[in-house]
Amino acid sequence: MIRHIVLAKFKAEVTKTEIDSLFAKLADLQNHISGMRGFDGGVSVSPEGLEQGFRHGFSIDFDDAAARDAYLEHPEHKALGGQLVGLLEGGVAGLVVFDLVVD
């Protein structure tokens, strides 16, 4: 299984409603992409204070790399990714993406 982890620094003027809407649309992709197992997203609740401005994040589990790759190439993912980048501080600089293999 592949866990796709995304951390985001949203611009100060971006509202909770905008973020929730974007996350809901990303979560809905599991209804359209085979092998996408689920979506979890929200605000950091870490007491450590080490987010370095990345206050929001989400993770998606995929059956395998092929399912993850199908998600990356899906037209709706590309459209939502463009919307996400537009809401971030510094565009793509306000984004961290990390994929790892999990059992």
N, C-alpha and C. Protein backbone atom coordinates (compact mmCIF):
# COMPACT_ATOMS: atom_id res chain seq x y z
N MET A 1 0.85 -1.18 0.00
CA MET A 1 0.00 0.00 0.00
C MET A 1 0.90 1.24 0.00
N ILE A 2 0.44 2.27 -0.66
CA ILE A 2 1.13 3.56 -0.71
C ILE A 2 0.32 4.58 0.08
N ARG A 3 0.97 5.28 1.00
CA ARG A 3 0.33 6.39 1.71
C ARG A 3 0.89 7.68 1.13
N HIS A 4 -0.02 8.48 0.60
CA HIS A 4 0.30 9.77 -0.04
C HIS A 4 -0.02 10.85 1.00
N ILE A 5 1.00 11.57 1.44
CA ILE A 5 0.85 12.57 2.50
C ILE A 5 1.14 13.95 1.92
N VAL A 6 0.24 14.88 2.18
CA VAL A 6 0.38 16.25 1.68
C VAL A 6 0.22 17.22 2.85
N LEU A 7 1.17 18.13 3.00
CA LEU A 7 1.11 19.19 4.00
C LEU A 7 0.99 20.51 3.27
N ALA A 8 0.19 21.43 3.83
CA ALA A 8 -0.11 22.67 3.12
C ALA A 8 -0.04 23.88 4.04
N LYS A 9 0.50 24.99 3.48
CA LYS A 9 0.49 26.30 4.13
C LYS A 9 -0.50 27.17 3.36
N PHE A 10 -1.71 27.27 3.87
CA PHE A 10 -2.71 28.10 3.20
C PHE A 10 -2.46 29.58 3.48
N LYS A 11 -2.79 30.41 2.51
CA LYS A 11 -2.73 31.86 2.70
C LYS A 11 -3.66 32.24 3.85
N ALA A 12 -3.33 33.30 4.56
CA ALA A 12 -4.10 33.73 5.73
C ALA A 12 -5.55 34.02 5.38
N GLU A 13 -5.81 34.51 4.16
CA GLU A 13 -7.18 34.89 3.80
C GLU A 13 -8.05 33.72 3.35
N VAL A 14 -7.48 32.55 3.22
CA VAL A 14 -8.26 31.37 2.82
C VAL A 14 -9.12 30.93 4.00
N THR A 15 -10.40 30.75 3.75
CA THR A 15 -11.34 30.43 4.83
C THR A 15 -11.40 28.92 5.09
N LYS A 16 -11.88 28.58 6.27
CA LYS A 16 -12.11 27.18 6.63
C LYS A 16 -13.08 26.54 5.65
N THR A 17 -14.09 27.28 5.23
CA THR A 17 -15.07 26.76 4.27
C THR A 17 -14.40 26.39 2.96
N GLU A 18 -13.48 27.23 2.48
CA GLU A 18 -12.77 26.93 1.23
C GLU A 18 -11.91 25.67 1.37
N ILE A 19 -11.23 25.55 2.49
CA ILE A 19 -10.38 24.38 2.73
C ILE A 19 -11.23 23.12 2.84
N ASP A 20 -12.30 23.20 3.62
CA ASP A 20 -13.19 22.04 3.78
C ASP A 20 -13.78 21.60 2.45
N SER A 21 -14.16 22.56 1.62
CA SER A 21 -14.72 22.25 0.31
C SER A 21 -13.70 21.54 -0.57
N LEU A 22 -12.49 22.05 -0.59
CA LEU A 22 -11.43 21.43 -1.39
C LEU A 22 -11.14 20.01 -0.90
N PHE A 23 -11.03 19.84 0.41
CA PHE A 23 -10.77 18.52 0.97
C PHE A 23 -11.91 17.56 0.64
N ALA A 24 -13.16 18.03 0.69
CA ALA A 24 -14.30 17.17 0.35
C ALA A 24 -14.24 16.72 -1.11
N LYS A 25 -13.84 17.62 -1.99
CA LYS A 25 -13.72 17.26 -3.41
C LYS A 25 -12.59 16.25 -3.62
N LEU A 26 -11.49 16.42 -2.91
CA LEU A 26 -10.41 15.45 -3.00
C LEU A 26 -10.86 14.09 -2.47
N ALA A 27 -11.58 14.09 -1.36
CA ALA A 27 -12.08 12.84 -0.78
C ALA A 27 -13.02 12.13 -1.75
N ASP A 28 -13.81 12.89 -2.49
CA ASP A 28 -14.77 12.31 -3.43
C ASP A 28 -14.08 11.55 -4.56
N LEU A 29 -12.83 11.83 -4.81
CA LEU A 29 -12.11 11.13 -5.88
C LEU A 29 -12.06 9.62 -5.63
N GLN A 30 -12.18 9.19 -4.37
CA GLN A 30 -12.16 7.75 -4.09
C GLN A 30 -13.36 7.04 -4.72
N ASN A 31 -14.40 7.79 -5.07
CA ASN A 31 -15.56 7.22 -5.75
C ASN A 31 -15.34 7.08 -7.25
N HIS A 32 -14.21 7.58 -7.74
CA HIS A 32 -13.95 7.60 -9.17
C HIS A 32 -12.63 6.94 -9.56
N ILE A 33 -11.76 6.69 -8.59
CA ILE A 33 -10.44 6.14 -8.88
C ILE A 33 -10.28 4.79 -8.17
N SER A 34 -10.15 3.75 -8.95
CA SER A 34 -9.98 2.41 -8.41
C SER A 34 -8.66 2.34 -7.63
N GLY A 35 -8.72 1.72 -6.45
CA GLY A 35 -7.52 1.55 -5.65
C GLY A 35 -7.24 2.67 -4.68
N MET A 36 -8.05 3.73 -4.71
CA MET A 36 -7.93 4.82 -3.73
C MET A 36 -8.79 4.40 -2.54
N ARG A 37 -8.16 4.15 -1.40
CA ARG A 37 -8.85 3.56 -0.26
C ARG A 37 -9.56 4.56 0.64
N GLY A 38 -9.08 5.74 0.72
CA GLY A 38 -9.70 6.68 1.64
C GLY A 38 -8.93 7.98 1.72
N PHE A 39 -9.52 8.93 2.40
CA PHE A 39 -8.96 10.28 2.52
C PHE A 39 -9.16 10.73 3.96
N ASP A 40 -8.12 11.25 4.57
CA ASP A 40 -8.21 11.88 5.89
C ASP A 40 -7.49 13.21 5.80
N GLY A 41 -8.13 14.26 6.28
CA GLY A 41 -7.51 15.57 6.22
C GLY A 41 -7.99 16.47 7.34
N GLY A 42 -7.21 17.52 7.61
CA GLY A 42 -7.61 18.47 8.62
C GLY A 42 -6.47 19.35 9.07
N VAL A 43 -6.64 19.90 10.27
CA VAL A 43 -5.68 20.84 10.87
C VAL A 43 -4.78 20.08 11.84
N SER A 44 -3.53 20.46 11.91
CA SER A 44 -2.60 19.84 12.85
C SER A 44 -3.09 20.04 14.28
N VAL A 45 -3.00 18.98 15.06
CA VAL A 45 -3.32 19.05 16.49
C VAL A 45 -2.07 18.71 17.32
N SER A 46 -0.91 18.76 16.70
CA SER A 46 0.32 18.42 17.39
C SER A 46 0.63 19.45 18.47
N PRO A 47 0.95 19.00 19.68
CA PRO A 47 1.33 19.93 20.74
C PRO A 47 2.78 20.39 20.62
N GLU A 48 3.54 19.82 19.68
CA GLU A 48 4.97 20.12 19.58
C GLU A 48 5.26 21.47 18.93
N GLY A 49 4.34 21.97 18.11
CA GLY A 49 4.56 23.26 17.46
C GLY A 49 5.66 23.26 16.42
N LEU A 50 5.87 22.14 15.76
CA LEU A 50 6.95 22.01 14.78
C LEU A 50 6.44 21.98 13.34
N GLU A 51 5.25 22.48 13.10
CA GLU A 51 4.64 22.42 11.77
C GLU A 51 5.33 23.32 10.75
N GLN A 52 6.09 24.29 11.20
CA GLN A 52 6.78 25.24 10.32
C GLN A 52 5.82 25.90 9.33
N GLY A 53 4.62 26.20 9.83
CA GLY A 53 3.62 26.88 9.01
C GLY A 53 2.70 25.95 8.24
N PHE A 54 3.01 24.67 8.21
CA PHE A 54 2.17 23.69 7.52
C PHE A 54 1.08 23.23 8.49
N ARG A 55 0.02 24.02 8.57
CA ARG A 55 -1.03 23.79 9.57
C ARG A 55 -2.09 22.79 9.11
N HIS A 56 -2.19 22.53 7.82
CA HIS A 56 -3.18 21.60 7.29
C HIS A 56 -2.49 20.47 6.55
N GLY A 57 -3.16 19.35 6.50
CA GLY A 57 -2.62 18.23 5.75
C GLY A 57 -3.68 17.21 5.44
N PHE A 58 -3.32 16.31 4.54
CA PHE A 58 -4.20 15.18 4.27
C PHE A 58 -3.36 13.99 3.84
N SER A 59 -3.97 12.82 3.99
CA SER A 59 -3.33 11.60 3.52
C SER A 59 -4.36 10.76 2.77
N ILE A 60 -3.85 10.04 1.78
CA ILE A 60 -4.67 9.14 0.98
C ILE A 60 -3.93 7.82 0.89
N ASP A 61 -4.63 6.72 1.13
CA ASP A 61 -4.04 5.40 0.97
C ASP A 61 -4.45 4.82 -0.38
N PHE A 62 -3.48 4.22 -1.05
CA PHE A 62 -3.70 3.59 -2.35
C PHE A 62 -3.29 2.13 -2.26
N ASP A 63 -3.98 1.27 -2.99
CA ASP A 63 -3.66 -0.15 -3.00
C ASP A 63 -2.21 -0.40 -3.41
N ASP A 64 -1.74 0.38 -4.37
CA ASP A 64 -0.39 0.18 -4.90
C ASP A 64 0.04 1.42 -5.68
N ALA A 65 1.25 1.37 -6.19
CA ALA A 65 1.79 2.52 -6.93
C ALA A 65 0.98 2.81 -8.18
N ALA A 66 0.44 1.78 -8.83
CA ALA A 66 -0.36 1.99 -10.04
C ALA A 66 -1.62 2.80 -9.72
N ALA A 67 -2.26 2.52 -8.59
CA ALA A 67 -3.45 3.28 -8.19
C ALA A 67 -3.08 4.72 -7.87
N ARG A 68 -1.95 4.91 -7.17
CA ARG A 68 -1.47 6.26 -6.88
C ARG A 68 -1.18 7.03 -8.17
N ASP A 69 -0.55 6.35 -9.11
CA ASP A 69 -0.22 7.00 -10.38
C ASP A 69 -1.47 7.36 -11.17
N ALA A 70 -2.51 6.51 -11.09
CA ALA A 70 -3.78 6.82 -11.76
C ALA A 70 -4.40 8.08 -11.16
N TYR A 71 -4.30 8.22 -9.84
CA TYR A 71 -4.78 9.42 -9.14
C TYR A 71 -4.00 10.65 -9.62
N LEU A 72 -2.69 10.54 -9.70
CA LEU A 72 -1.87 11.68 -10.10
C LEU A 72 -2.20 12.16 -11.51
N GLU A 73 -2.58 11.25 -12.38
CA GLU A 73 -2.89 11.59 -13.77
C GLU A 73 -4.37 11.91 -14.01
N HIS A 74 -5.21 11.67 -13.02
CA HIS A 74 -6.65 11.88 -13.18
C HIS A 74 -6.93 13.37 -13.41
N PRO A 75 -7.75 13.71 -14.41
CA PRO A 75 -8.01 15.13 -14.72
C PRO A 75 -8.59 15.92 -13.55
N GLU A 76 -9.45 15.29 -12.75
CA GLU A 76 -10.03 16.00 -11.61
C GLU A 76 -8.97 16.27 -10.55
N HIS A 77 -8.06 15.32 -10.33
CA HIS A 77 -6.96 15.56 -9.40
C HIS A 77 -6.11 16.74 -9.86
N LYS A 78 -5.81 16.77 -11.15
CA LYS A 78 -5.01 17.87 -11.68
C LYS A 78 -5.71 19.21 -11.50
N ALA A 79 -7.02 19.24 -11.72
CA ALA A 79 -7.79 20.48 -11.54
C ALA A 79 -7.79 20.91 -10.07
N LEU A 80 -8.04 19.95 -9.18
CA LEU A 80 -8.06 20.27 -7.75
C LEU A 80 -6.67 20.64 -7.25
N GLY A 81 -5.64 20.00 -7.78
CA GLY A 81 -4.27 20.35 -7.42
C GLY A 81 -3.95 21.79 -7.79
N GLY A 82 -4.43 22.21 -8.96
CA GLY A 82 -4.25 23.60 -9.37
C GLY A 82 -4.95 24.57 -8.44
N GLN A 83 -6.17 24.20 -8.01
CA GLN A 83 -6.90 25.04 -7.05
C GLN A 83 -6.14 25.11 -5.73
N LEU A 84 -5.65 23.96 -5.27
CA LEU A 84 -4.90 23.92 -4.01
C LEU A 84 -3.68 24.83 -4.07
N VAL A 85 -2.88 24.71 -5.10
CA VAL A 85 -1.67 25.52 -5.23
C VAL A 85 -2.02 27.01 -5.23
N GLY A 86 -3.13 27.38 -5.83
CA GLY A 86 -3.55 28.78 -5.86
C GLY A 86 -3.93 29.34 -4.50
N LEU A 87 -4.24 28.46 -3.55
CA LEU A 87 -4.63 28.89 -2.20
C LEU A 87 -3.46 28.90 -1.22
N LEU A 88 -2.29 28.49 -1.67
CA LEU A 88 -1.16 28.32 -0.77
C LEU A 88 -0.22 29.52 -0.76
N GLU A 89 0.42 29.74 0.39
CA GLU A 89 1.48 30.75 0.49
C GLU A 89 2.62 30.34 -0.44
N GLY A 90 2.95 31.19 -1.38
CA GLY A 90 4.06 30.91 -2.28
C GLY A 90 3.78 29.84 -3.32
N GLY A 91 2.51 29.52 -3.56
CA GLY A 91 2.18 28.49 -4.54
C GLY A 91 2.73 27.14 -4.13
N VAL A 92 3.42 26.48 -5.05
CA VAL A 92 3.93 25.14 -4.78
C VAL A 92 4.94 25.12 -3.63
N ALA A 93 5.54 26.25 -3.30
CA ALA A 93 6.46 26.31 -2.15
C ALA A 93 5.72 26.11 -0.83
N GLY A 94 4.41 26.28 -0.83
CA GLY A 94 3.60 26.07 0.36
C GLY A 94 3.05 24.66 0.45
N LEU A 95 3.77 23.73 -0.16
CA LEU A 95 3.28 22.35 -0.28
C LEU A 95 4.43 21.37 -0.03
N VAL A 96 4.15 20.33 0.73
CA VAL A 96 5.07 19.20 0.88
C VAL A 96 4.30 17.94 0.53
N VAL A 97 4.86 17.12 -0.34
CA VAL A 97 4.24 15.85 -0.72
C VAL A 97 5.24 14.74 -0.41
N PHE A 98 4.74 13.70 0.25
CA PHE A 98 5.60 12.60 0.68
C PHE A 98 4.82 11.30 0.54
N ASP A 99 5.34 10.36 -0.20
CA ASP A 99 4.70 9.05 -0.35
C ASP A 99 5.57 8.00 0.32
N LEU A 100 4.92 7.06 1.01
CA LEU A 100 5.68 5.97 1.61
C LEU A 100 4.92 4.66 1.49
N VAL A 101 5.65 3.58 1.53
CA VAL A 101 5.06 2.25 1.49
C VAL A 101 4.69 1.86 2.91
N VAL A 102 3.45 1.41 3.10
CA VAL A 102 3.00 0.94 4.42
C VAL A 102 2.42 -0.46 4.26
N ASP A 103 2.46 -1.23 5.34
CA ASP A 103 1.91 -2.59 5.31
C ASP A 103 0.41 -2.57 5.49
